[in-house]
Structure formats: C-alpha cells, structure tokens
Protein backbone atom coordinates (compact mmCIF):
# COMPACT_ATOMS: atom_id res chain seq x y z
CA MET A 1 -39.25 18.62 67.29
CA GLN A 2 -36.03 20.26 66.30
CA ALA A 3 -35.37 17.56 63.73
CA SER A 4 -38.71 18.21 62.02
CA GLU A 5 -38.13 21.97 61.78
CA PRO A 6 -35.08 21.74 59.52
CA SER A 7 -36.90 19.12 57.44
CA GLY A 8 -39.92 21.39 57.11
CA ASN A 9 -37.65 24.32 56.27
CA PHE A 10 -35.89 22.24 53.61
CA GLU A 11 -39.22 21.19 52.10
CA GLN A 12 -40.32 24.82 52.00
CA GLN A 13 -37.08 25.80 50.27
CA VAL A 14 -37.46 23.02 47.71
CA LEU A 15 -41.10 23.93 47.05
CA SER A 16 -40.18 27.60 46.75
CA GLY A 17 -37.37 26.76 44.33
CA LEU A 18 -39.66 24.56 42.27
CA THR A 19 -42.29 27.29 42.17
CA GLN A 20 -39.72 29.81 40.94
CA MET A 21 -38.47 27.38 38.33
CA SER A 22 -42.03 26.75 37.18
CA GLN A 23 -42.66 30.49 36.83
CA GLN A 24 -39.40 30.99 34.94
CA LEU A 25 -40.28 28.10 32.64
CA ALA A 26 -43.71 29.63 31.98
CA ASN A 27 -42.06 32.98 31.17
CA LEU A 28 -39.55 31.28 28.90
CA THR A 29 -42.35 29.42 27.11
CA THR A 30 -44.16 32.71 26.53
CA HIS A 31 -41.02 34.31 25.12
CA VAL A 32 -40.36 31.33 22.84
CA GLU A 33 -43.92 31.46 21.51
CA GLY A 34 -43.49 35.18 20.82
CA LEU A 35 -40.23 34.52 19.00
CA ASP A 36 -41.86 31.75 17.00
CA SER A 37 -44.58 34.07 15.74
CA ARG A 38 -41.98 36.72 14.85
CA VAL A 39 -39.90 34.15 12.94
CA GLU A 40 -43.02 33.08 11.01
CA ALA A 41 -43.71 36.72 10.11
CA LEU A 42 -40.12 37.19 8.94
CA ASP A 43 -40.31 33.99 6.92
CA SER A 44 -43.43 35.28 5.19
CA ARG A 45 -41.72 38.60 4.40
CA VAL A 46 -38.66 36.83 3.00
CA GLU A 47 -40.87 34.70 0.75
CA LYS A 48 -42.56 37.85 -0.57
CA LEU A 49 -39.19 39.50 -1.19
CA ASP A 50 -37.93 36.40 -3.00
CA TYR A 51 -41.02 36.47 -5.23
CA LYS A 52 -40.55 40.18 -5.96
CA PHE A 53 -36.86 39.68 -6.72
CA ASP A 54 -37.57 36.75 -9.04
CA THR A 55 -40.23 38.82 -10.84
CA TYR A 56 -37.85 41.78 -11.15
CA GLN A 57 -35.08 39.55 -12.48
CA ALA A 58 -37.37 37.97 -15.07
CA ALA A 59 -38.61 41.39 -16.18
CA SER A 60 -35.04 42.69 -16.43
CA ASP A 61 -34.08 39.74 -18.61
CA GLN A 62 -37.05 40.40 -20.90
CA VAL A 63 -36.20 44.11 -21.18
CA LEU A 64 -32.60 43.23 -22.00
CA ARG A 65 -33.73 40.84 -24.73
CA LEU A 66 -36.12 43.46 -26.12
CA ALA A 67 -33.39 46.12 -26.16
CA THR A 68 -31.00 43.72 -27.89
CA THR A 69 -33.64 42.91 -30.50
CA ILE A 70 -34.29 46.60 -31.15
CA VAL A 71 -30.57 47.33 -31.54
CA ILE A 72 -30.11 44.40 -33.92
CA ALA A 73 -33.17 45.45 -35.95
CA ALA A 74 -31.97 49.06 -36.16
CA ALA A 75 -28.48 47.97 -37.17
CA SER A 76 -29.92 45.63 -39.78
CA VAL A 77 -32.00 48.44 -41.27
CA VAL A 78 -29.00 50.78 -41.39
CA ILE A 79 -26.72 48.16 -42.93
CA LEU A 80 -29.20 46.53 -45.32
CA SER A 81 -30.97 49.70 -46.48
CA PRO A 82 -28.21 50.84 -48.87
CA VAL A 83 -27.76 47.29 -50.16
CA LEU A 84 -31.44 46.72 -50.88
CA HIS A 85 -32.10 50.20 -52.24
CA PRO A 86 -28.98 51.36 -54.10
CA CYS A 87 -30.77 54.41 -55.47
CA ALA A 88 -31.48 55.75 -51.97
CA GLY A 89 -27.80 55.85 -51.01
C-alpha cells in the first residue's frame, strides 16, 4: 500500500499542476482578447487621425495656392496698371 500512496500523491500533484496551468491559460486568453480589442480600437483611431491629417494637408495646400494666386494677381495689377493706363500714373 505504501507504493500506491506516493503514486496517488504524484497523480494529485500532476492534476493540480495541470489545473493551475489550465486556469492560467484561461486568464491569459482573456487578457489577450482584451488587448486585441484595444488594439482594434487604437487602429480605428489612427485611421481617423490619418484621414484628418490628409484632409488638413490638402486644405493647407489649397490655401497656399489661393494665397499665391492672390499675391500674383495683386502684383500684376500694381505693375500693369501704370503700363495700361499711362494717364492714371
């Protein structure tokens, strides 16, 4: 009977260890699923920020072109006005 006691004790230890490992694996799985959902949320936010940045950059380029056009038009009027209307100068 003494030989079966250590064997039974060993089996209990193995089963206990496996149970603990199973619980730890379940906890780890839960944490990984939580991290996965957080990463998806961050990915969505980054996509929105990229869209906003691209929109801002395009608008800035258009404003720059508009400002350049206005400056060129104003300079043209100032330079060409005396040439086209010599009496006004």
